[in-house]
C-alpha atoms as a PDB file:
ATOM      1  CA  MET A   1       0.011  -0.013   0.153  1.00  0.00           C
ATOM      2  CA  TYR A   2       1.231   3.586  -0.637  1.00  0.00           C
ATOM      3  CA  THR A   3      -0.064   7.314  -0.203  1.00  0.00           C
ATOM      4  CA  ARG A   4      -0.502   9.834  -2.710  1.00  0.00           C
ATOM      5  CA  GLU A   5      -2.250  12.918  -3.160  1.00  0.00           C
ATOM      6  CA  TYR A   6      -5.606  12.203  -5.165  1.00  0.00           C
ATOM      7  CA  GLN A   7      -6.500  14.940  -7.421  1.00  0.00           C
ATOM      8  CA  HIS A   8     -10.286  14.821  -8.822  1.00  0.00           C
ATOM      9  CA  PRO A   9     -12.223  17.563 -10.611  1.00  0.00           C
ATOM     10  CA  SER A  10     -15.838  17.963  -9.664  1.00  0.00           C
ATOM     11  CA  LEU A  11     -19.019  18.801 -11.376  1.00  0.00           C
ATOM     12  CA  LEU A  12     -22.262  20.160  -9.331  1.00  0.00           C
ATOM     13  CA  ARG A  13     -25.473  18.449 -10.812  1.00  0.00           C
ATOM     14  CA  HIS A  14     -28.427  19.923 -12.061  1.00  0.00           C
ATOM     15  CA  PRO A  15     -30.798  20.650  -9.120  1.00  0.00           C
ATOM     16  CA  GLY A  16     -33.632  18.714 -11.026  1.00  0.00           C
ATOM     17  CA  MET A  17     -31.752  15.652 -11.513  1.00  0.00           C
ATOM     18  CA  GLN A  18     -32.701  12.101  -9.794  1.00  0.00           C
ATOM     19  CA  LEU A  19     -31.158  10.915  -6.921  1.00  0.00           C
ATOM     20  CA  ILE A  20     -28.127   9.413  -8.930  1.00  0.00           C
ATOM     21  CA  GLU A  21     -27.577   9.811 -12.677  1.00  0.00           C
ATOM     22  CA  LYS A  22     -25.075   7.260 -13.143  1.00  0.00           C
ATOM     23  CA  ALA A  23     -24.050   7.205 -16.745  1.00  0.00           C
ATOM     24  CA  VAL A  24     -23.174  10.865 -16.835  1.00  0.00           C
ATOM     25  CA  LEU A  25     -21.151  11.254 -13.781  1.00  0.00           C
ATOM     26  CA  ALA A  26     -19.206   7.932 -14.649  1.00  0.00           C
ATOM     27  CA  GLY A  27     -18.255   9.408 -17.749  1.00  0.00           C
ATOM     28  CA  VAL A  28     -17.192  12.429 -16.773  1.00  0.00           C
ATOM     29  CA  VAL A  29     -15.139  11.354 -13.892  1.00  0.00           C
ATOM     30  CA  SER A  30     -13.682   8.672 -15.646  1.00  0.00           C
ATOM     31  CA  LEU A  31     -12.373  11.066 -18.168  1.00  0.00           C
ATOM     32  CA  LEU A  32     -10.864  13.218 -15.697  1.00  0.00           C
ATOM     33  CA  LEU A  33      -9.336  10.388 -14.061  1.00  0.00           C
ATOM     34  CA  ALA A  34      -7.751   9.513 -17.227  1.00  0.00           C
ATOM     35  CA  VAL A  35      -6.255  12.664 -17.751  1.00  0.00           C
ATOM     36  CA  HIS A  36      -4.656  13.275 -14.201  1.00  0.00           C
ATOM     37  CA  CYS A  37      -3.364   9.516 -13.806  1.00  0.00           C
ATOM     38  CA  ARG A  38      -2.735   6.596 -15.572  1.00  0.00           C
ATOM     39  CA  LEU A  39      -3.360   3.156 -14.026  1.00  0.00           C
ATOM     40  CA  VAL A  40      -0.732   0.344 -14.023  1.00  0.00           C
ATOM     41  CA  SER A  41      -1.698  -3.086 -12.638  1.00  0.00           C
ATOM     42  CA  GLY A  42      -4.299  -1.616 -10.663  1.00  0.00           C
ATOM     43  CA  LYS A  43      -2.391   1.259  -9.001  1.00  0.00           C
ATOM     44  CA  ALA A  44      -2.607   5.042  -9.617  1.00  0.00           C
ATOM     45  CA  LEU A  45       0.745   6.910 -10.347  1.00  0.00           C
ATOM     46  CA  LEU A  46       0.922  10.536  -9.538  1.00  0.00           C
ATOM     47  CA  ARG A  47       1.768  12.738 -12.367  1.00  0.00           C
ATOM     48  CA  SER A  48       5.196  14.807 -12.046  1.00  0.00           C
ATOM     49  CA  ARG A  49       3.802  18.008 -11.446  1.00  0.00           C
ATOM     50  CA  ARG A  50       1.809  18.660  -8.328  1.00  0.00           C
ATOM     51  CA  SER A  51      -1.665  20.378  -8.993  1.00  0.00           C
ATOM     52  CA  SER A  52      -4.975  21.207  -6.910  1.00  0.00           C
ATOM     53  CA  MET A  53      -7.706  18.808  -6.821  1.00  0.00           C
ATOM     54  CA  CYS A  54      -9.988  22.035  -7.381  1.00  0.00           C
ATOM     55  CA  GLN A  55      -8.701  23.100 -10.737  1.00  0.00           C
ATOM     56  CA  ASN A  56     -11.257  23.332 -13.238  1.00  0.00           C
ATOM     57  CA  ILE A  57     -14.224  22.515 -11.187  1.00  0.00           C
ATOM     58  CA  ARG A  58     -17.586  24.359 -11.236  1.00  0.00           C
ATOM     59  CA  PRO A  59     -18.389  26.503  -8.165  1.00  0.00           C
ATOM     60  CA  CYS A  60     -20.978  24.703  -5.720  1.00  0.00           C
ATOM     61  CA  SER A  61     -23.667  27.357  -5.749  1.00  0.00           C
ATOM     62  CA  ASN A  62     -26.013  25.181  -3.601  1.00  0.00           C
ATOM     63  CA  GLN A  63     -24.075  23.974  -0.939  1.00  0.00           C
ATOM     64  CA  THR A  64     -26.889  22.556   1.140  1.00  0.00           C
ATOM     65  CA  ARG A  65     -28.173  20.672  -1.982  1.00  0.00           C
ATOM     66  CA  VAL A  66     -24.983  19.223  -2.664  1.00  0.00           C
ATOM     67  CA  LEU A  67     -24.483  17.947   0.984  1.00  0.00           C
ATOM     68  CA  HIS A  68     -27.949  16.464   0.599  1.00  0.00           C
ATOM     69  CA  GLN A  69     -27.002  14.497  -2.531  1.00  0.00           C
ATOM     70  CA  ILE A  70     -23.916  13.317  -0.614  1.00  0.00           C
ATOM     71  CA  GLN A  71     -26.246  11.973   2.060  1.00  0.00           C
ATOM     72  CA  CYS A  72     -28.436  10.282  -0.401  1.00  0.00           C
ATOM     73  CA  GLN A  73     -25.640   8.692  -2.261  1.00  0.00           C
ATOM     74  CA  VAL A  74     -24.203   7.303   0.801  1.00  0.00           C
ATOM     75  CA  ALA A  75     -27.618   5.964   1.764  1.00  0.00           C
ATOM     76  CA  SER A  76     -27.755   4.444  -1.633  1.00  0.00           C
ATOM     77  CA  LEU A  77     -24.693   2.418  -1.221  1.00  0.00           C
ATOM     78  CA  ASN A  78     -25.331   1.552   2.292  1.00  0.00           C
ATOM     79  CA  ALA A  79     -28.743  -0.001   1.113  1.00  0.00           C
ATOM     80  CA  SER A  80     -26.971  -2.273  -1.582  1.00  0.00           C
ATOM     81  CA  ALA A  81     -23.413  -3.018   0.249  1.00  0.00           C
ATOM     82  CA  GLN A  82     -24.432  -6.141   1.980  1.00  0.00           C
ATOM     83  CA  GLU A  83     -26.386  -7.654  -1.252  1.00  0.00           C
ATOM     84  CA  LEU A  84     -23.059  -6.703  -3.405  1.00  0.00           C
ATOM     85  CA  PHE A  85     -21.070  -8.714  -0.842  1.00  0.00           C
ATOM     86  CA  GLU A  86     -23.480 -11.518  -0.680  1.00  0.00           C
ATOM     87  CA  VAL A  87     -23.495 -11.897  -4.390  1.00  0.00           C
ATOM     88  CA  TYR A  88     -19.941 -11.751  -4.834  1.00  0.00           C
ATOM     89  CA  LEU A  89     -19.637 -14.502  -2.479  1.00  0.00           C
ATOM     90  CA  LYS A  90     -22.056 -16.705  -4.311  1.00  0.00           C
ATOM     91  CA  HIS A  91     -19.922 -16.555  -7.553  1.00  0.00           C
ATOM     92  CA  GLN A  92     -16.385 -17.450  -5.777  1.00  0.00           C
ATOM     93  CA  GLY A  93     -17.190 -20.830  -4.759  1.00  0.00           C
ATOM     94  CA  ASN A  94     -15.630 -22.576  -1.946  1.00  0.00           C
ATOM     95  CA  PRO A  95     -14.162 -21.874   0.174  1.00  0.00           C
ATOM     96  CA  PHE A  96     -15.968 -18.304  -0.045  1.00  0.00           C
ATOM     97  CA  THR A  97     -19.544 -19.646  -0.023  1.00  0.00           C
ATOM     98  CA  ASN A  98     -18.738 -21.372   3.318  1.00  0.00           C
ATOM     99  CA  LYS A  99     -19.672 -18.581   5.987  1.00  0.00           C
ATOM    100  CA  GLU A 100     -17.605 -20.508   8.781  1.00  0.00           C
ATOM    101  CA  GLU A 101     -14.454 -20.114   6.642  1.00  0.00           C
ATOM    102  CA  LEU A 102     -14.888 -16.412   6.031  1.00  0.00           C
ATOM    103  CA  ASN A 103     -12.589 -15.450   9.003  1.00  0.00           C
ATOM    104  CA  VAL A 104      -9.882 -17.416   7.432  1.00  0.00           C
ATOM    105  CA  PHE A 105     -10.014 -16.797   3.844  1.00  0.00           C
ATOM    106  CA  CYS A 106     -11.705 -13.235   3.916  1.00  0.00           C
ATOM    107  CA  GLN A 107     -10.506 -11.119   6.825  1.00  0.00           C
ATOM    108  CA  PRO A 108     -11.827  -7.484   6.213  1.00  0.00           C
ATOM    109  CA  ASP A 109      -9.132  -5.490   4.364  1.00  0.00           C
ATOM    110  CA  ARG A 110      -6.923  -3.522   6.803  1.00  0.00           C
ATOM    111  CA  SER A 111      -5.777  -0.804   4.341  1.00  0.00           C
ATOM    112  CA  PHE A 112      -9.579   0.248   3.765  1.00  0.00           C
ATOM    113  CA  PRO A 113      -9.764   3.774   5.183  1.00  0.00           C
ATOM    114  CA  SER A 114     -11.709   3.881   8.565  1.00  0.00           C
ATOM    115  CA  PHE A 115     -14.414   6.506   9.303  1.00  0.00           C
ATOM    116  CA  ASP A 116     -15.158   7.789  12.771  1.00  0.00           C
ATOM    117  CA  ASN A 117     -18.928   8.737  13.082  1.00  0.00           C
ATOM    118  CA  ARG A 118     -18.375  10.312  16.719  1.00  0.00           C
ATOM    119  CA  THR A 119     -16.748  13.502  15.211  1.00  0.00           C
ATOM    120  CA  SER A 120     -19.133  16.379  14.945  1.00  0.00           C
ATOM    121  CA  GLU A 121     -17.090  18.142  12.587  1.00  0.00           C
ATOM    122  CA  GLU A 122     -18.448  17.739   9.065  1.00  0.00           C
ATOM    123  CA  LYS A 123     -15.260  18.854   7.223  1.00  0.00           C
ATOM    124  CA  GLU A 124     -13.617  15.893   9.154  1.00  0.00           C
ATOM    125  CA  LYS A 125     -16.327  13.635   8.138  1.00  0.00           C
ATOM    126  CA  LEU A 126     -16.264  14.611   4.346  1.00  0.00           C
ATOM    127  CA  ILE A 127     -12.593  14.107   4.161  1.00  0.00           C
ATOM    128  CA  ALA A 128     -12.520  10.852   5.555  1.00  0.00           C
ATOM    129  CA  LEU A 129     -15.437  10.029   3.190  1.00  0.00           C
ATOM    130  CA  TYR A 130     -13.252  11.302   0.401  1.00  0.00           C
ATOM    131  CA  LYS A 131     -10.332   8.801   1.280  1.00  0.00           C
ATOM    132  CA  ILE A 132     -12.858   5.865   1.417  1.00  0.00           C
ATOM    133  CA  CYS A 133     -14.534   6.720  -1.815  1.00  0.00           C
ATOM    134  CA  ALA A 134     -10.815   7.274  -3.427  1.00  0.00           C
ATOM    135  CA  PHE A 135      -9.703   3.836  -2.405  1.00  0.00           C
ATOM    136  CA  PHE A 136     -13.114   2.029  -3.073  1.00  0.00           C
ATOM    137  CA  ASN A 137     -13.530   3.579  -6.605  1.00  0.00           C
ATOM    138  CA  ALA A 138      -9.814   2.001  -7.366  1.00  0.00           C
ATOM    139  CA  SER A 139     -10.732  -1.137  -5.848  1.00  0.00           C
ATOM    140  CA  LEU A 140     -13.765  -1.659  -7.636  1.00  0.00           C
ATOM    141  CA  GLY A 141     -12.211  -1.170 -10.858  1.00  0.00           C
ATOM    142  CA  ASN A 142      -9.659  -4.249  -9.870  1.00  0.00           C
ATOM    143  CA  ILE A 143     -12.737  -6.100  -8.810  1.00  0.00           C
ATOM    144  CA  THR A 144     -14.701  -5.740 -11.789  1.00  0.00           C
ATOM    145  CA  LYS A 145     -11.923  -6.543 -14.094  1.00  0.00           C
ATOM    146  CA  ASP A 146     -10.827  -9.736 -11.961  1.00  0.00           C
ATOM    147  CA  GLN A 147     -14.377 -10.999 -12.194  1.00  0.00           C
ATOM    148  CA  ARG A 148     -14.553 -10.609 -16.166  1.00  0.00           C
ATOM    149  CA  GLU A 149     -11.451 -12.374 -16.328  1.00  0.00           C
ATOM    150  CA  LEU A 150     -12.447 -15.176 -14.199  1.00  0.00           C
ATOM    151  CA  GLY A 151     -15.367 -15.940 -16.525  1.00  0.00           C
ATOM    152  CA  ASN A 152     -18.503 -17.612 -15.769  1.00  0.00           C
ATOM    153  CA  ASP A 153     -22.008 -16.373 -15.633  1.00  0.00           C
ATOM    154  CA  LYS A 154     -22.049 -13.668 -13.244  1.00  0.00           C
ATOM    155  CA  GLU A 155     -24.186 -10.645 -14.781  1.00  0.00           C
ATOM    156  CA  ASP A 156     -26.058  -9.844 -11.565  1.00  0.00           C
ATOM    157  CA  LEU A 157     -22.829  -9.445  -9.854  1.00  0.00           C
ATOM    158  CA  LEU A 158     -21.198  -7.297 -12.727  1.00  0.00           C
ATOM    159  CA  LYS A 159     -24.330  -5.196 -12.617  1.00  0.00           C
ATOM    160  CA  LEU A 160     -23.927  -4.330  -8.940  1.00  0.00           C
ATOM    161  CA  LEU A 161     -20.594  -3.580  -9.266  1.00  0.00           C
ATOM    162  CA  ARG A 162     -21.163  -1.238 -11.964  1.00  0.00           C
ATOM    163  CA  ASN A 163     -23.931   0.716 -10.207  1.00  0.00           C
ATOM    164  CA  THR A 164     -21.596   0.707  -7.120  1.00  0.00           C
ATOM    165  CA  THR A 165     -18.995   2.191  -9.182  1.00  0.00           C
ATOM    166  CA  ASN A 166     -21.423   5.036 -10.801  1.00  0.00           C
ATOM    167  CA  THR A 167     -22.546   5.972  -7.444  1.00  0.00           C
ATOM    168  CA  THR A 168     -19.034   6.051  -5.778  1.00  0.00           C
ATOM    169  CA  ARG A 169     -17.882   8.177  -8.770  1.00  0.00           C
ATOM    170  CA  GLY A 170     -20.902  10.389  -8.433  1.00  0.00           C
ATOM    171  CA  LEU A 171     -20.146  10.843  -4.719  1.00  0.00           C
ATOM    172  CA  LEU A 172     -16.412  11.526  -5.250  1.00  0.00           C
ATOM    173  CA  ALA A 173     -17.532  14.439  -7.587  1.00  0.00           C
ATOM    174  CA  ASN A 174     -19.827  16.198  -5.098  1.00  0.00           C
ATOM    175  CA  LEU A 175     -17.145  15.562  -2.406  1.00  0.00           C
ATOM    176  CA  THR A 176     -14.502  17.211  -4.358  1.00  0.00           C
ATOM    177  CA  CYS A 177     -16.998  20.145  -5.229  1.00  0.00           C
ATOM    178  CA  LEU A 178     -18.018  20.926  -1.528  1.00  0.00           C
ATOM    179  CA  LEU A 179     -14.703  20.441   0.022  1.00  0.00           C
ATOM    180  CA  CYS A 180     -13.112  22.939  -2.625  1.00  0.00           C
ATOM    181  CA  ALA A 181     -16.077  25.309  -2.245  1.00  0.00           C
ATOM    182  CA  LYS A 182     -16.860  25.463   1.276  1.00  0.00           C
ATOM    183  CA  TYR A 183     -13.746  24.439   3.218  1.00  0.00           C
ATOM    184  CA  LYS A 184     -11.296  25.353   0.507  1.00  0.00           C
ATOM    185  CA  VAL A 185      -9.436  21.871   0.657  1.00  0.00           C
ATOM    186  CA  SER A 186      -7.082  21.595  -2.258  1.00  0.00           C
ATOM    187  CA  HIS A 187      -5.363  18.383  -1.312  1.00  0.00           C
ATOM    188  CA  VAL A 188      -6.160  15.109   0.176  1.00  0.00           C
ATOM    189  CA  ASP A 189      -3.876  12.313   0.587  1.00  0.00           C
ATOM    190  CA  VAL A 190      -5.440   8.741  -0.007  1.00  0.00           C
ATOM    191  CA  THR A 191      -4.101   5.353  -0.161  1.00  0.00           C
ATOM    192  CA  TYR A 192      -4.919   2.491  -2.352  1.00  0.00           C
ATOM    193  CA  GLY A 193      -4.668  -1.454  -1.934  1.00  0.00           C
ATOM    194  CA  HIS A 194      -2.190  -3.981  -3.432  1.00  0.00           C
ATOM    195  CA  SER A 195      -2.851  -5.323  -6.911  1.00  0.00           C
ATOM    196  CA  SER A 196      -4.381  -8.838  -6.778  1.00  0.00           C
ATOM    197  CA  GLY A 197      -1.973 -10.148  -9.060  1.00  0.00           C
ATOM    198  CA  THR A 198      -2.340 -13.023 -11.602  1.00  0.00           C
ATOM    199  CA  ASN A 199      -3.429 -15.957  -9.063  1.00  0.00           C
ATOM    200  CA  ASN A 200      -7.077 -16.577  -9.417  1.00  0.00           C
ATOM    201  CA  PHE A 201      -7.799 -17.334  -5.791  1.00  0.00           C
ATOM    202  CA  ALA A 202      -5.970 -14.207  -4.860  1.00  0.00           C
ATOM    203  CA  LYS A 203      -8.031 -12.179  -7.047  1.00  0.00           C
ATOM    204  CA  LYS A 204     -11.163 -13.767  -5.348  1.00  0.00           C
ATOM    205  CA  GLN A 205      -9.802 -13.186  -2.050  1.00  0.00           C
ATOM    206  CA  GLN A 206      -8.696  -9.484  -2.261  1.00  0.00           C
ATOM    207  CA  GLY A 207     -12.449  -8.840  -3.867  1.00  0.00           C
ATOM    208  CA  CYS A 208     -13.815 -10.575  -0.838  1.00  0.00           C
ATOM    209  CA  GLN A 209     -11.843  -8.810   1.859  1.00  0.00           C
ATOM    210  CA  VAL A 210     -12.500  -5.251   0.324  1.00  0.00           C
ATOM    211  CA  LEU A 211     -16.231  -5.766  -0.158  1.00  0.00           C
ATOM    212  CA  ARG A 212     -16.464  -7.260   3.448  1.00  0.00           C
ATOM    213  CA  LYS A 213     -14.633  -4.085   4.979  1.00  0.00           C
ATOM    214  CA  TYR A 214     -16.848  -2.094   2.826  1.00  0.00           C
ATOM    215  CA  ALA A 215     -19.980  -3.359   4.113  1.00  0.00           C
ATOM    216  CA  GLU A 216     -18.717  -2.836   7.603  1.00  0.00           C
ATOM    217  CA  VAL A 217     -17.754   0.778   7.097  1.00  0.00           C
ATOM    218  CA  ILE A 218     -20.566   2.257   4.804  1.00  0.00           C
ATOM    219  CA  PRO A 219     -23.024   1.806   7.597  1.00  0.00           C
ATOM    220  CA  LEU A 220     -20.862   4.025   9.914  1.00  0.00           C
ATOM    221  CA  VAL A 221     -20.573   6.702   7.172  1.00  0.00           C
ATOM    222  CA  ALA A 222     -24.418   6.699   6.809  1.00  0.00           C
ATOM    223  CA  LEU A 223     -25.135   7.084  10.294  1.00  0.00           C
ATOM    224  CA  GLY A 224     -22.454   9.635  10.720  1.00  0.00           C
ATOM    225  CA  LEU A 225     -23.721  12.026   7.621  1.00  0.00           C
ATOM    226  CA  GLY A 226     -27.313  11.646   8.520  1.00  0.00           C
ATOM    227  CA  LYS A 227     -30.554  10.633   6.705  1.00  0.00           C
ATOM    228  CA  CYS A 228     -31.327  11.287   3.160  1.00  0.00           C
ATOM    229  CA  ASN A 229     -34.727  13.012   3.177  1.00  0.00           C
ATOM    230  CA  ALA A 230     -35.495  12.380  -0.383  1.00  0.00           C
END
């Protein structure tokens, strides 16, 4: 695992949009990620010149609405997290389908960023969530790639992974906008996990560990940020 400054431009979404406009946000953020870093073996390499994550973003004219969108996106992720983990296990076969063996083969990923919902500072919560989303977004890319390479009929899992990725990217966009506009945060240090390599069991295991930890952390985030009053 290593640490770098994550640089991620953001867009404020139209007030009349639905809860999550997956396709638009996914396309925009994917393009921005491609501009700011290149991915090699599942790891993002920092460009040689340091720059602010707040460059070229649109102003958050309605910060209250953006915060509400963040709360609703987190609520959406929380609602689907356990299902994603269960469906993932179903498609990995033994020993991952044996719940009694999970603590042996699928311990929660220790490199996954933590979240302390006891803090009352909104800024600290948003920064912690930003770190989680940056880590998880990269992990989702690796997990999705590995599952496609492993083959078999798993369209239900791939659909859940796509939906989770789109929501996570939209959340990153809103977090960047709010952190830059309201709190003047221009840099956030984030961490990434290791690549799963080429071993099929290692691919299954790493995905299991990340998704298990995610399913444990996201309820704490939802509790700490408050309800989505849609």
